[in-house]
Amino acid sequence: MNALRHEPRGRAARGMKLALGAAMCTVLGACAVPHKPAEVATPAHLTPATPSTRDLLRLPAPKGKIVVAVYGFRDQTGQYKPAPDSSFSTSVTQGAASMLVKALKDSGWFTPVERESLQELLTERRIVRALDGSQGDKAPAIHIPALVPASILIDGGIVAYESNVRTGGLGARFLGVGASTQYRMDQVTVGLRSVDIRTGRVLQTVSTTKTIFSYEVRPSVYKFVNFKDLLEIEAGVTNNEPTQLCVKEAIEAAVIHLTVQGLKDKSWSLSKESDWNSPIIQTYLQEGNTYAASSMQMPMETPESVAPAAEAQPAPTGH
């Protein structure tokens, strides 16, 4: 008789626990389901500035702006995203030329002229010339100034994209409660060079590399709340650094290094000679000198033996 009395109570308690577990799963599922785009839409805003953007805007003024032309800045990596997007989506942006033109203009040192859409520009100029003479007698004559020629050609591209340069993770669990984290590092490399259009001589060439960092944090609970009732809860958050922002930062850093190298080689000059000692120029100049010194100190391997490391010669630090 007592067993019959306790059996409904046990069933009721077990039913309440199952109902509670189902409610928790429903709540977690509701949190995981994304809202409609209309409910989370945010207004468009300017692309976030990177550390290289701030350095680019802090460059001292030039003695005179250099007119540059950019015919293209292509993706030379040949890398595609993993399946199932491998046939349609590339790993890096295909609009790097637009980023380069903006970086050149934002620096205050260069005046970019349109060359990527040169055919469309010439077509519009022909249309304007065709209107000349077809206006009324009192209409003013249409005058189109000549196109501005460039002094320097800026060329290069995204030369490398390396996936999974470094991966790792860490996890721990105690009494069914634990958490784990994973991270991955990719790497994008940009090459940039300036060319004198009169002689075709390469004036400066730089290469910059930016690391792309991604990580995932996943807490979990795996616990028996009763003899036959198992409670399992999982959650997670992933943060992936935008690839296009990393490409943008690498391009802007390359423009700054190209400008500083031009000052060092006296290809162009500052408006004030005292600006040579400005912190922004000295910082990037020191970074270039350190890179050159490290490269010169690397041992050269020969079939017979290994040659001793060459001593680095100090690079000039001023005009």
Protein backbone atom coordinates (compact mmCIF):
# COMPACT_ATOMS: atom_id res chain seq x y z
CA MET A 1 0.00 0.00 0.00
CA ASN A 2 2.81 2.42 0.88
CA ALA A 3 4.60 1.59 -2.35
CA LEU A 4 1.48 2.48 -4.27
CA ARG A 5 1.28 5.83 -2.48
CA HIS A 6 4.95 6.78 -3.15
CA GLU A 7 4.91 5.73 -6.81
CA PRO A 8 2.75 8.67 -8.04
CA ARG A 9 4.90 11.09 -6.05
CA GLY A 10 8.10 9.70 -7.65
CA ARG A 11 6.56 9.96 -11.08
CA ALA A 12 5.43 13.53 -10.39
CA ALA A 13 8.90 14.57 -9.17
CA ARG A 14 10.55 12.96 -12.18
CA GLY A 15 8.04 14.68 -14.47
CA MET A 16 8.81 18.04 -12.89
CA LYS A 17 12.54 17.54 -13.42
CA LEU A 18 12.02 16.57 -17.04
CA ALA A 19 9.77 19.59 -17.55
CA LEU A 20 12.40 21.82 -15.96
CA GLY A 21 15.09 20.39 -18.24
CA ALA A 22 12.88 20.89 -21.29
CA ALA A 23 12.23 24.50 -20.25
CA MET A 24 15.95 25.16 -19.89
CA CYS A 25 16.61 23.65 -23.33
CA THR A 26 13.88 25.84 -24.78
CA VAL A 27 15.39 28.96 -23.23
CA LEU A 28 18.89 28.09 -24.48
CA GLY A 29 17.51 27.30 -27.91
CA ALA A 30 15.70 30.62 -28.04
CA CYS A 31 18.94 32.40 -27.16
CA ALA A 32 20.82 30.52 -29.84
CA VAL A 33 18.34 31.28 -32.64
CA PRO A 34 19.27 34.58 -34.31
CA HIS A 35 16.72 37.34 -34.57
CA LYS A 36 15.41 38.63 -37.84
CA PRO A 37 17.78 41.00 -39.66
CA ALA A 38 15.21 43.78 -39.42
CA GLU A 39 15.28 43.63 -35.63
CA VAL A 40 19.07 43.82 -35.29
CA ALA A 41 19.85 46.15 -38.19
CA THR A 42 22.30 48.92 -37.35
CA PRO A 43 23.08 52.02 -39.39
CA ALA A 44 26.11 51.97 -41.67
CA HIS A 45 29.26 53.59 -40.32
CA LEU A 46 32.79 54.26 -41.43
CA THR A 47 35.23 51.36 -41.49
CA PRO A 48 36.97 51.15 -38.10
CA ALA A 49 40.41 52.70 -37.91
CA THR A 50 43.41 50.45 -37.29
CA PRO A 51 46.65 51.37 -35.47
CA SER A 52 48.26 51.86 -38.89
CA THR A 53 45.46 54.25 -39.86
CA ARG A 54 46.28 56.51 -36.92
CA ASP A 55 49.99 56.45 -37.79
CA LEU A 56 49.14 57.22 -41.43
CA LEU A 57 47.21 60.34 -40.45
CA ARG A 58 50.03 61.52 -38.15
CA LEU A 59 52.71 61.64 -40.85
CA PRO A 60 54.41 65.06 -41.17
CA ALA A 61 53.56 67.19 -44.18
CA PRO A 62 55.56 66.73 -47.41
CA LYS A 63 57.35 69.43 -49.35
CA GLY A 64 55.12 68.60 -52.28
CA LYS A 65 52.59 65.86 -52.96
CA ILE A 66 53.59 63.09 -55.38
CA VAL A 67 51.16 62.17 -58.14
CA VAL A 68 50.84 58.37 -58.18
CA ALA A 69 48.97 55.87 -60.33
CA VAL A 70 47.59 52.52 -59.20
CA TYR A 71 46.61 50.24 -62.08
CA GLY A 72 45.81 47.28 -59.88
CA PHE A 73 46.56 45.58 -56.60
CA ARG A 74 45.65 41.96 -57.16
CA ASP A 75 45.21 38.91 -54.99
CA GLN A 76 48.24 36.78 -55.87
CA THR A 77 47.70 34.13 -53.20
CA GLY A 78 45.39 31.80 -55.11
CA GLN A 79 43.81 30.84 -51.80
CA TYR A 80 40.12 29.92 -51.44
CA LYS A 81 38.05 29.36 -48.35
CA PRO A 82 37.60 25.75 -47.17
CA ALA A 83 34.70 23.67 -48.49
CA PRO A 84 31.81 24.14 -49.08
CA ASP A 85 32.72 27.72 -50.09
CA SER A 86 35.99 26.79 -51.81
CA SER A 87 34.58 27.08 -55.34
CA PHE A 88 33.09 30.52 -54.89
CA SER A 89 34.79 32.56 -52.17
CA THR A 90 38.43 33.63 -51.92
CA SER A 91 40.29 33.85 -48.62
CA VAL A 92 41.16 37.54 -49.01
CA THR A 93 39.35 40.54 -50.41
CA GLN A 94 39.47 41.34 -54.11
CA GLY A 95 39.11 45.09 -53.45
CA ALA A 96 42.63 45.73 -52.17
CA ALA A 97 43.26 48.35 -54.89
CA SER A 98 40.55 50.57 -53.41
CA MET A 99 42.13 50.20 -49.96
CA LEU A 100 45.52 51.16 -51.38
CA VAL A 101 44.18 54.27 -53.13
CA LYS A 102 42.48 55.40 -49.91
CA ALA A 103 45.64 54.79 -47.87
CA LEU A 104 47.73 56.81 -50.34
CA LYS A 105 45.28 59.70 -50.22
CA ASP A 106 44.87 59.62 -46.43
CA SER A 107 48.64 59.79 -45.94
CA GLY A 108 48.74 63.36 -47.29
CA TRP A 109 51.88 62.51 -49.27
CA PHE A 110 50.38 61.23 -52.49
CA THR A 111 47.78 62.38 -55.00
CA PRO A 112 46.28 59.28 -56.65
CA VAL A 113 44.97 59.59 -60.21
CA GLU A 114 42.36 57.26 -61.64
CA ARG A 115 43.85 54.42 -63.65
CA GLU A 116 41.90 51.34 -62.67
CA SER A 117 38.78 52.67 -64.45
CA LEU A 118 40.72 54.61 -67.07
CA GLN A 119 38.65 53.28 -69.99
CA GLU A 120 35.40 54.51 -68.42
CA LEU A 121 37.00 57.89 -67.72
CA LEU A 122 38.14 58.27 -71.34
CA THR A 123 34.68 57.31 -72.55
CA GLU A 124 33.09 60.06 -70.47
CA ARG A 125 35.60 62.59 -71.80
CA ARG A 126 34.75 61.59 -75.38
CA ILE A 127 31.06 62.06 -74.62
CA VAL A 128 31.73 65.59 -73.34
CA ARG A 129 33.79 66.41 -76.45
CA ALA A 130 30.95 65.14 -78.65
CA LEU A 131 28.64 67.73 -77.07
CA ASP A 132 30.95 70.55 -78.06
CA GLY A 133 29.41 72.42 -81.00
CA SER A 134 25.98 70.91 -80.56
CA GLN A 135 24.94 73.56 -78.06
CA GLY A 136 23.24 76.84 -78.79
CA ASP A 137 25.02 79.85 -80.27
CA LYS A 138 25.22 81.58 -76.91
CA ALA A 139 26.34 78.49 -74.97
CA PRO A 140 29.91 78.67 -73.69
CA ALA A 141 32.46 76.38 -75.27
CA ILE A 142 33.20 73.16 -73.46
CA HIS A 143 36.78 72.95 -72.29
CA ILE A 144 38.24 69.73 -70.88
CA PRO A 145 41.65 70.02 -69.21
CA ALA A 146 44.28 67.40 -69.92
CA LEU A 147 44.63 64.39 -67.66
CA VAL A 148 47.24 64.72 -64.92
CA PRO A 149 50.23 62.41 -65.58
CA ALA A 150 51.64 60.38 -62.72
CA SER A 151 55.22 60.63 -61.51
CA ILE A 152 55.28 57.36 -59.59
CA LEU A 153 53.65 54.02 -60.28
CA ILE A 154 52.55 52.07 -57.20
CA ASP A 155 52.33 48.34 -57.82
CA GLY A 156 52.23 45.10 -55.84
CA GLY A 157 49.60 42.82 -54.40
CA ILE A 158 48.56 40.44 -51.65
CA VAL A 159 51.39 37.96 -52.02
CA ALA A 160 50.61 35.32 -49.37
CA TYR A 161 47.86 34.01 -47.11
CA GLU A 162 48.83 31.23 -44.69
CA SER A 163 46.13 29.32 -42.79
CA ASN A 164 46.61 27.67 -39.41
CA VAL A 165 50.03 29.13 -38.80
CA ARG A 166 49.47 28.28 -35.16
CA THR A 167 46.61 26.47 -33.43
CA GLY A 168 46.03 25.40 -29.87
CA GLY A 169 43.55 24.98 -27.07
CA LEU A 170 42.98 24.28 -23.40
CA GLY A 171 40.18 22.61 -21.45
CA ALA A 172 39.31 21.40 -17.97
CA ARG A 173 36.36 19.61 -16.37
CA PHE A 174 35.54 18.92 -12.70
CA LEU A 175 32.44 17.11 -11.47
CA GLY A 176 30.83 17.48 -14.87
CA VAL A 177 31.39 21.25 -15.10
CA GLY A 178 34.13 22.52 -17.40
CA ALA A 179 35.22 24.91 -20.11
CA SER A 180 37.46 24.74 -23.15
CA THR A 181 39.05 27.28 -25.43
CA GLN A 182 40.62 27.02 -28.88
CA TYR A 183 42.50 29.54 -31.00
CA ARG A 184 43.87 29.80 -34.51
CA MET A 185 46.30 32.21 -36.15
CA ASP A 186 46.38 32.96 -39.88
CA GLN A 187 48.76 35.31 -41.67
CA VAL A 188 48.45 37.68 -44.63
CA THR A 189 51.40 39.31 -46.41
CA VAL A 190 51.29 42.39 -48.65
CA GLY A 191 54.00 43.51 -51.08
CA LEU A 192 54.27 47.10 -52.30
CA ARG A 193 56.74 48.91 -54.57
CA SER A 194 57.14 52.33 -56.16
CA VAL A 195 58.41 52.69 -59.73
CA ASP A 196 59.76 55.78 -61.53
CA ILE A 197 57.70 56.07 -64.73
CA ARG A 198 60.52 57.88 -66.59
CA THR A 199 63.11 55.15 -66.22
CA GLY A 200 61.16 52.16 -64.92
CA ARG A 201 63.53 51.93 -61.97
CA VAL A 202 62.10 50.45 -58.78
CA LEU A 203 62.59 53.10 -56.11
CA GLN A 204 61.37 51.38 -52.94
CA THR A 205 59.89 48.00 -52.13
CA VAL A 206 58.37 46.85 -48.84
CA SER A 207 56.59 43.78 -47.50
CA THR A 208 54.32 43.79 -44.45
CA THR A 209 52.70 40.89 -42.60
CA LYS A 210 49.61 40.90 -40.38
CA THR A 211 48.41 38.07 -38.14
CA ILE A 212 44.71 37.14 -38.14
CA PHE A 213 43.61 35.82 -34.74
CA SER A 214 40.50 33.73 -34.03
CA TYR A 215 39.41 32.06 -30.79
CA GLU A 216 36.50 30.09 -29.35
CA VAL A 217 35.38 29.71 -25.73
CA ARG A 218 32.96 26.88 -24.90
CA PRO A 219 31.66 26.23 -21.34
CA SER A 220 29.68 23.04 -20.67
CA VAL A 221 27.82 21.17 -17.92
CA TYR A 222 27.37 17.37 -17.98
CA LYS A 223 25.75 16.15 -14.79
CA PHE A 224 23.30 13.56 -13.51
CA VAL A 225 20.60 15.38 -11.54
CA ASN A 226 19.01 12.07 -10.62
CA PHE A 227 19.71 8.37 -10.94
CA LYS A 228 18.34 8.25 -14.49
CA ASP A 229 18.16 11.97 -15.36
CA LEU A 230 21.09 13.58 -17.16
CA LEU A 231 21.48 17.36 -17.50
CA GLU A 232 23.72 18.59 -20.32
CA ILE A 233 24.23 22.29 -21.14
CA GLU A 234 26.61 23.74 -23.71
CA ALA A 235 27.32 27.28 -24.78
CA GLY A 236 30.01 28.98 -26.80
CA VAL A 237 31.29 32.20 -28.28
CA THR A 238 33.63 32.68 -31.24
CA ASN A 239 35.54 35.80 -32.24
CA ASN A 240 37.14 35.99 -35.69
CA GLU A 241 39.27 38.98 -36.63
CA PRO A 242 37.93 40.38 -39.95
CA THR A 243 40.27 39.49 -42.80
CA GLN A 244 39.56 42.65 -44.75
CA LEU A 245 40.56 44.83 -41.80
CA CYS A 246 43.82 42.91 -41.50
CA VAL A 247 44.52 43.42 -45.21
CA LYS A 248 43.69 47.10 -44.80
CA GLU A 249 46.11 47.45 -41.87
CA ALA A 250 48.89 45.65 -43.77
CA ILE A 251 48.43 47.96 -46.78
CA GLU A 252 48.47 51.09 -44.61
CA ALA A 253 51.62 49.93 -42.83
CA ALA A 254 53.23 49.27 -46.23
CA VAL A 255 52.39 52.82 -47.38
CA ILE A 256 53.99 54.28 -44.25
CA HIS A 257 57.14 52.19 -44.68
CA LEU A 258 57.27 53.14 -48.37
CA THR A 259 57.05 56.82 -47.46
CA VAL A 260 59.77 56.56 -44.81
CA GLN A 261 62.03 54.65 -47.19
CA GLY A 262 61.55 57.38 -49.79
CA LEU A 263 62.62 59.98 -47.24
CA LYS A 264 65.64 57.90 -46.31
CA ASP A 265 66.64 57.49 -49.98
CA LYS A 266 65.85 61.19 -50.67
CA SER A 267 63.30 60.30 -53.34
CA TRP A 268 61.05 62.96 -51.75
CA SER A 269 61.44 65.38 -48.89
CA LEU A 270 59.67 66.85 -45.89
CA SER A 271 58.14 70.29 -45.70
CA LYS A 272 60.27 70.95 -42.60
CA GLU A 273 63.62 69.23 -42.19
CA SER A 274 63.11 69.18 -38.41
CA ASP A 275 60.19 66.77 -38.91
CA TRP A 276 62.76 64.05 -39.66
CA ASN A 277 63.10 63.59 -35.90
CA SER A 278 59.35 63.18 -35.37
CA PRO A 279 58.43 60.06 -33.34
CA ILE A 280 56.32 58.51 -36.10
CA ILE A 281 59.14 58.62 -38.68
CA GLN A 282 61.83 57.48 -36.27
CA THR A 283 59.67 54.56 -35.11
CA TYR A 284 59.16 53.18 -38.61
CA LEU A 285 62.75 54.00 -39.58
CA GLN A 286 64.04 52.02 -36.61
CA GLU A 287 61.78 49.10 -37.51
CA GLY A 288 63.22 49.08 -41.04
CA ASN A 289 66.79 49.32 -39.74
CA THR A 290 66.21 46.45 -37.31
CA TYR A 291 64.80 44.30 -40.12
CA ALA A 292 67.81 45.05 -42.32
CA ALA A 293 70.27 44.33 -39.51
CA SER A 294 68.56 41.01 -38.70
CA SER A 295 68.67 39.97 -42.35
CA MET A 296 72.38 40.77 -42.63
CA GLN A 297 73.21 38.75 -39.52
CA MET A 298 71.65 35.53 -40.83
CA PRO A 299 74.33 32.87 -41.61
CA MET A 300 74.84 31.86 -45.22
CA GLU A 301 74.95 28.09 -45.75
CA THR A 302 77.44 26.69 -48.26
CA PRO A 303 78.01 23.07 -49.38
CA GLU A 304 81.36 22.99 -47.58
CA SER A 305 80.62 24.84 -44.39
CA VAL A 306 78.53 27.49 -42.79
CA ALA A 307 79.93 30.99 -43.23
CA PRO A 308 80.12 33.28 -40.16
CA ALA A 309 77.40 35.86 -39.76
CA ALA A 310 78.11 39.20 -41.40
CA GLU A 311 78.23 42.25 -39.20
CA ALA A 312 75.39 44.66 -39.82
CA GLN A 313 76.34 48.12 -40.97
CA PRO A 314 74.44 50.97 -39.30
CA ALA A 315 71.90 52.60 -41.62
CA PRO A 316 71.78 56.37 -41.89
CA THR A 317 69.39 58.01 -39.47
CA GLY A 318 69.10 61.41 -41.10
CA HIS A 319 69.71 63.46 -44.18
